[in-house]
Amino acid sequence: MGSEDLKIETSDERRTLQIVLWLNILIAIGFFVTGWFGDSNALLANGLDNSSDAIVYGLSLLALTRSQIWKRNAARLSGGMLLVFAVGVAGDAIRRYFEGSEPLGLIMLAMAAIAGVVNLICLWPVSYTHLTLPTTPYV
């Protein structure tokens, strides 16, 4: 991802990225809590996905004023964390296969609705500032 992909030229754009970062942190915590209590691997995986998004946004904010080497290492760290998360989710799925589990559908539906609202909230300031959010820390 080149520096042209993430242009934060105004304080409004930086603030938007910070808002999206915090919303992703909060929704990830919500996914983890409801995934744990609802015995849902899908909610836990969504929590990991939102965590990785939050980490990418945080690293992108930090990378704005750092050297190219720092940015490259941040991108590698982000990719490595995604691999670790994937292995963890696969391991939990295998554990659930052998131990059995019965996810609570109502908790999953409620969390899906909350996540939909949070994603719409994230979309509003992003569309207002015309900010392109990174999928990996910008390098």
C-alpha atoms as a PDB file:
ATOM      1  CA  MET A   1       0.000   0.000   0.000  1.00  0.00           C
ATOM      2  CA  GLY A   2       1.564   3.289  -0.986  1.00  0.00           C
ATOM      3  CA  SER A   3       1.362   6.618   0.786  1.00  0.00           C
ATOM      4  CA  GLU A   4      -1.085   7.795  -1.854  1.00  0.00           C
ATOM      5  CA  ASP A   5      -3.621   5.251  -0.532  1.00  0.00           C
ATOM      6  CA  LEU A   6      -3.971   6.910   2.877  1.00  0.00           C
ATOM      7  CA  LYS A   7      -3.868  10.665   2.730  1.00  0.00           C
ATOM      8  CA  ILE A   8      -4.626  12.336   6.010  1.00  0.00           C
ATOM      9  CA  GLU A   9      -4.345  15.971   5.180  1.00  0.00           C
ATOM     10  CA  THR A  10      -6.656  17.559   7.728  1.00  0.00           C
ATOM     11  CA  SER A  11      -7.316  17.227  11.424  1.00  0.00           C
ATOM     12  CA  ASP A  12     -10.875  16.124  10.510  1.00  0.00           C
ATOM     13  CA  GLU A  13      -9.495  13.147   8.607  1.00  0.00           C
ATOM     14  CA  ARG A  14      -7.143  12.228  11.458  1.00  0.00           C
ATOM     15  CA  ARG A  15     -10.028  12.535  13.919  1.00  0.00           C
ATOM     16  CA  THR A  16     -12.204  10.343  11.684  1.00  0.00           C
ATOM     17  CA  LEU A  17      -9.542   7.640  11.661  1.00  0.00           C
ATOM     18  CA  GLN A  18      -9.308   7.885  15.456  1.00  0.00           C
ATOM     19  CA  ILE A  19     -13.110   7.550  15.802  1.00  0.00           C
ATOM     20  CA  VAL A  20     -13.155   4.485  13.551  1.00  0.00           C
ATOM     21  CA  LEU A  21     -10.232   3.049  15.524  1.00  0.00           C
ATOM     22  CA  TRP A  22     -12.068   3.391  18.861  1.00  0.00           C
ATOM     23  CA  LEU A  23     -15.343   2.076  17.469  1.00  0.00           C
ATOM     24  CA  ASN A  24     -13.494  -1.006  16.171  1.00  0.00           C
ATOM     25  CA  ILE A  25     -11.873  -1.519  19.584  1.00  0.00           C
ATOM     26  CA  LEU A  26     -15.240  -1.285  21.336  1.00  0.00           C
ATOM     27  CA  ILE A  27     -17.050  -3.593  18.919  1.00  0.00           C
ATOM     28  CA  ALA A  28     -14.171  -6.102  19.138  1.00  0.00           C
ATOM     29  CA  ILE A  29     -14.547  -6.167  22.927  1.00  0.00           C
ATOM     30  CA  GLY A  30     -18.293  -6.675  22.459  1.00  0.00           C
ATOM     31  CA  PHE A  31     -17.666  -9.581  20.082  1.00  0.00           C
ATOM     32  CA  PHE A  32     -15.211 -11.200  22.484  1.00  0.00           C
ATOM     33  CA  VAL A  33     -17.539 -10.909  25.475  1.00  0.00           C
ATOM     34  CA  THR A  34     -20.625 -12.143  23.635  1.00  0.00           C
ATOM     35  CA  GLY A  35     -18.607 -14.845  21.832  1.00  0.00           C
ATOM     36  CA  TRP A  36     -17.292 -16.149  25.129  1.00  0.00           C
ATOM     37  CA  PHE A  37     -20.627 -16.129  26.948  1.00  0.00           C
ATOM     38  CA  GLY A  38     -22.602 -17.163  23.851  1.00  0.00           C
ATOM     39  CA  ASP A  39     -20.191 -20.026  23.095  1.00  0.00           C
ATOM     40  CA  SER A  40     -19.828 -18.746  19.532  1.00  0.00           C
ATOM     41  CA  ASN A  41     -16.680 -19.227  17.470  1.00  0.00           C
ATOM     42  CA  ALA A  42     -18.159 -16.910  14.832  1.00  0.00           C
ATOM     43  CA  LEU A  43     -18.439 -14.007  17.304  1.00  0.00           C
ATOM     44  CA  LEU A  44     -14.913 -14.653  18.571  1.00  0.00           C
ATOM     45  CA  ALA A  45     -13.642 -14.639  14.963  1.00  0.00           C
ATOM     46  CA  ASN A  46     -15.471 -11.358  14.340  1.00  0.00           C
ATOM     47  CA  GLY A  47     -13.811  -9.958  17.457  1.00  0.00           C
ATOM     48  CA  LEU A  48     -10.425 -10.932  16.060  1.00  0.00           C
ATOM     49  CA  ASP A  49     -11.309  -9.374  12.710  1.00  0.00           C
ATOM     50  CA  ASN A  50     -12.307  -6.095  14.335  1.00  0.00           C
ATOM     51  CA  SER A  51      -9.193  -6.242  16.520  1.00  0.00           C
ATOM     52  CA  SER A  52      -7.006  -6.596  13.454  1.00  0.00           C
ATOM     53  CA  ASP A  53      -8.834  -3.662  11.831  1.00  0.00           C
ATOM     54  CA  ALA A  54      -8.255  -1.566  14.956  1.00  0.00           C
ATOM     55  CA  ILE A  55      -4.589  -2.529  15.019  1.00  0.00           C
ATOM     56  CA  VAL A  56      -4.230  -1.564  11.366  1.00  0.00           C
ATOM     57  CA  TYR A  57      -5.878   1.825  11.989  1.00  0.00           C
ATOM     58  CA  GLY A  58      -3.680   2.403  15.032  1.00  0.00           C
ATOM     59  CA  LEU A  59      -0.523   1.430  13.173  1.00  0.00           C
ATOM     60  CA  SER A  60      -1.577   3.640  10.263  1.00  0.00           C
ATOM     61  CA  LEU A  61      -1.940   6.615  12.581  1.00  0.00           C
ATOM     62  CA  LEU A  62       1.496   5.917  14.050  1.00  0.00           C
ATOM     63  CA  ALA A  63       3.057   5.294  10.648  1.00  0.00           C
ATOM     64  CA  LEU A  64       2.092   8.709   9.323  1.00  0.00           C
ATOM     65  CA  THR A  65       5.125  10.359  10.873  1.00  0.00           C
ATOM     66  CA  ARG A  66       7.545   7.421  10.772  1.00  0.00           C
ATOM     67  CA  SER A  67      10.230   6.259   8.373  1.00  0.00           C
ATOM     68  CA  GLN A  68       9.608   3.893   5.471  1.00  0.00           C
ATOM     69  CA  ILE A  69      11.353   1.052   7.351  1.00  0.00           C
ATOM     70  CA  TRP A  70       9.043   1.542  10.341  1.00  0.00           C
ATOM     71  CA  LYS A  71       6.033   1.468   8.025  1.00  0.00           C
ATOM     72  CA  ARG A  72       7.222  -1.729   6.357  1.00  0.00           C
ATOM     73  CA  ASN A  73       7.744  -3.409   9.741  1.00  0.00           C
ATOM     74  CA  ALA A  74       4.282  -2.286  10.863  1.00  0.00           C
ATOM     75  CA  ALA A  75       2.757  -3.935   7.794  1.00  0.00           C
ATOM     76  CA  ARG A  76       4.675  -7.154   8.528  1.00  0.00           C
ATOM     77  CA  LEU A  77       3.497  -7.097  12.141  1.00  0.00           C
ATOM     78  CA  SER A  78      -0.098  -6.660  11.017  1.00  0.00           C
ATOM     79  CA  GLY A  79       0.147  -9.578   8.591  1.00  0.00           C
ATOM     80  CA  GLY A  80       1.771 -11.786  11.205  1.00  0.00           C
ATOM     81  CA  MET A  81      -0.971 -11.006  13.717  1.00  0.00           C
ATOM     82  CA  LEU A  82      -3.632 -11.951  11.180  1.00  0.00           C
ATOM     83  CA  LEU A  83      -1.937 -15.327  10.710  1.00  0.00           C
ATOM     84  CA  VAL A  84      -1.812 -15.889  14.477  1.00  0.00           C
ATOM     85  CA  PHE A  85      -5.498 -14.953  14.748  1.00  0.00           C
ATOM     86  CA  ALA A  86      -6.386 -17.392  11.955  1.00  0.00           C
ATOM     87  CA  VAL A  87      -4.523 -20.234  13.672  1.00  0.00           C
ATOM     88  CA  GLY A  88      -6.286 -19.408  16.959  1.00  0.00           C
ATOM     89  CA  VAL A  89      -9.738 -19.461  15.356  1.00  0.00           C
ATOM     90  CA  ALA A  90      -8.973 -22.746  13.588  1.00  0.00           C
ATOM     91  CA  GLY A  91      -7.710 -24.238  16.856  1.00  0.00           C
ATOM     92  CA  ASP A  92     -10.845 -23.155  18.686  1.00  0.00           C
ATOM     93  CA  ALA A  93     -13.021 -24.642  15.931  1.00  0.00           C
ATOM     94  CA  ILE A  94     -11.199 -27.970  16.291  1.00  0.00           C
ATOM     95  CA  ARG A  95     -11.620 -27.847  20.067  1.00  0.00           C
ATOM     96  CA  ARG A  96     -15.336 -27.157  19.692  1.00  0.00           C
ATOM     97  CA  TYR A  97     -15.656 -30.051  17.245  1.00  0.00           C
ATOM     98  CA  PHE A  98     -14.325 -32.531  19.811  1.00  0.00           C
ATOM     99  CA  GLU A  99     -15.851 -30.981  22.935  1.00  0.00           C
ATOM    100  CA  GLY A 100     -19.073 -29.896  21.325  1.00  0.00           C
ATOM    101  CA  SER A 101     -20.706 -26.512  21.752  1.00  0.00           C
ATOM    102  CA  GLU A 102     -24.093 -24.993  21.379  1.00  0.00           C
ATOM    103  CA  PRO A 103     -23.916 -21.327  20.412  1.00  0.00           C
ATOM    104  CA  LEU A 104     -26.679 -19.060  21.682  1.00  0.00           C
ATOM    105  CA  GLY A 105     -28.463 -17.804  18.571  1.00  0.00           C
ATOM    106  CA  LEU A 106     -30.155 -14.838  20.242  1.00  0.00           C
ATOM    107  CA  ILE A 107     -26.817 -13.450  21.447  1.00  0.00           C
ATOM    108  CA  MET A 108     -25.380 -13.903  17.961  1.00  0.00           C
ATOM    109  CA  LEU A 109     -28.320 -12.077  16.364  1.00  0.00           C
ATOM    110  CA  ALA A 110     -28.137  -9.224  18.876  1.00  0.00           C
ATOM    111  CA  MET A 111     -24.411  -8.778  18.344  1.00  0.00           C
ATOM    112  CA  ALA A 112     -24.863  -8.858  14.561  1.00  0.00           C
ATOM    113  CA  ALA A 113     -27.427  -6.054  14.827  1.00  0.00           C
ATOM    114  CA  ILE A 114     -25.149  -3.993  17.088  1.00  0.00           C
ATOM    115  CA  ALA A 115     -22.213  -4.548  14.726  1.00  0.00           C
ATOM    116  CA  GLY A 116     -24.348  -3.399  11.791  1.00  0.00           C
ATOM    117  CA  VAL A 117     -25.175  -0.162  13.599  1.00  0.00           C
ATOM    118  CA  VAL A 118     -21.525   0.412  14.552  1.00  0.00           C
ATOM    119  CA  ASN A 119     -20.437  -0.161  10.938  1.00  0.00           C
ATOM    120  CA  LEU A 120     -22.976   2.406   9.768  1.00  0.00           C
ATOM    121  CA  ILE A 121     -21.673   4.835  12.380  1.00  0.00           C
ATOM    122  CA  CYS A 122     -18.124   4.230  11.071  1.00  0.00           C
ATOM    123  CA  LEU A 123     -19.274   4.776   7.509  1.00  0.00           C
ATOM    124  CA  TRP A 124     -20.811   8.191   8.158  1.00  0.00           C
ATOM    125  CA  PRO A 125     -17.659  10.156   9.156  1.00  0.00           C
ATOM    126  CA  VAL A 126     -15.568   8.282   6.584  1.00  0.00           C
ATOM    127  CA  SER A 127     -17.916   9.271   3.767  1.00  0.00           C
ATOM    128  CA  TYR A 128     -18.088  12.831   5.090  1.00  0.00           C
ATOM    129  CA  THR A 129     -14.297  13.285   4.969  1.00  0.00           C
ATOM    130  CA  HIS A 130     -13.802  11.119   1.858  1.00  0.00           C
ATOM    131  CA  LEU A 131     -11.085   9.211   3.752  1.00  0.00           C
ATOM    132  CA  THR A 132      -9.939   5.888   2.319  1.00  0.00           C
ATOM    133  CA  LEU A 133      -9.384   3.509   5.208  1.00  0.00           C
ATOM    134  CA  PRO A 134      -6.326   1.267   5.011  1.00  0.00           C
ATOM    135  CA  THR A 135      -6.571  -2.519   4.990  1.00  0.00           C
ATOM    136  CA  THR A 136      -2.931  -2.799   6.025  1.00  0.00           C
ATOM    137  CA  PRO A 137      -0.706  -0.145   7.602  1.00  0.00           C
ATOM    138  CA  TYR A 138       0.320   2.144   4.841  1.00  0.00           C
ATOM    139  CA  VAL A 139       3.809   1.507   3.615  1.00  0.00           C
END
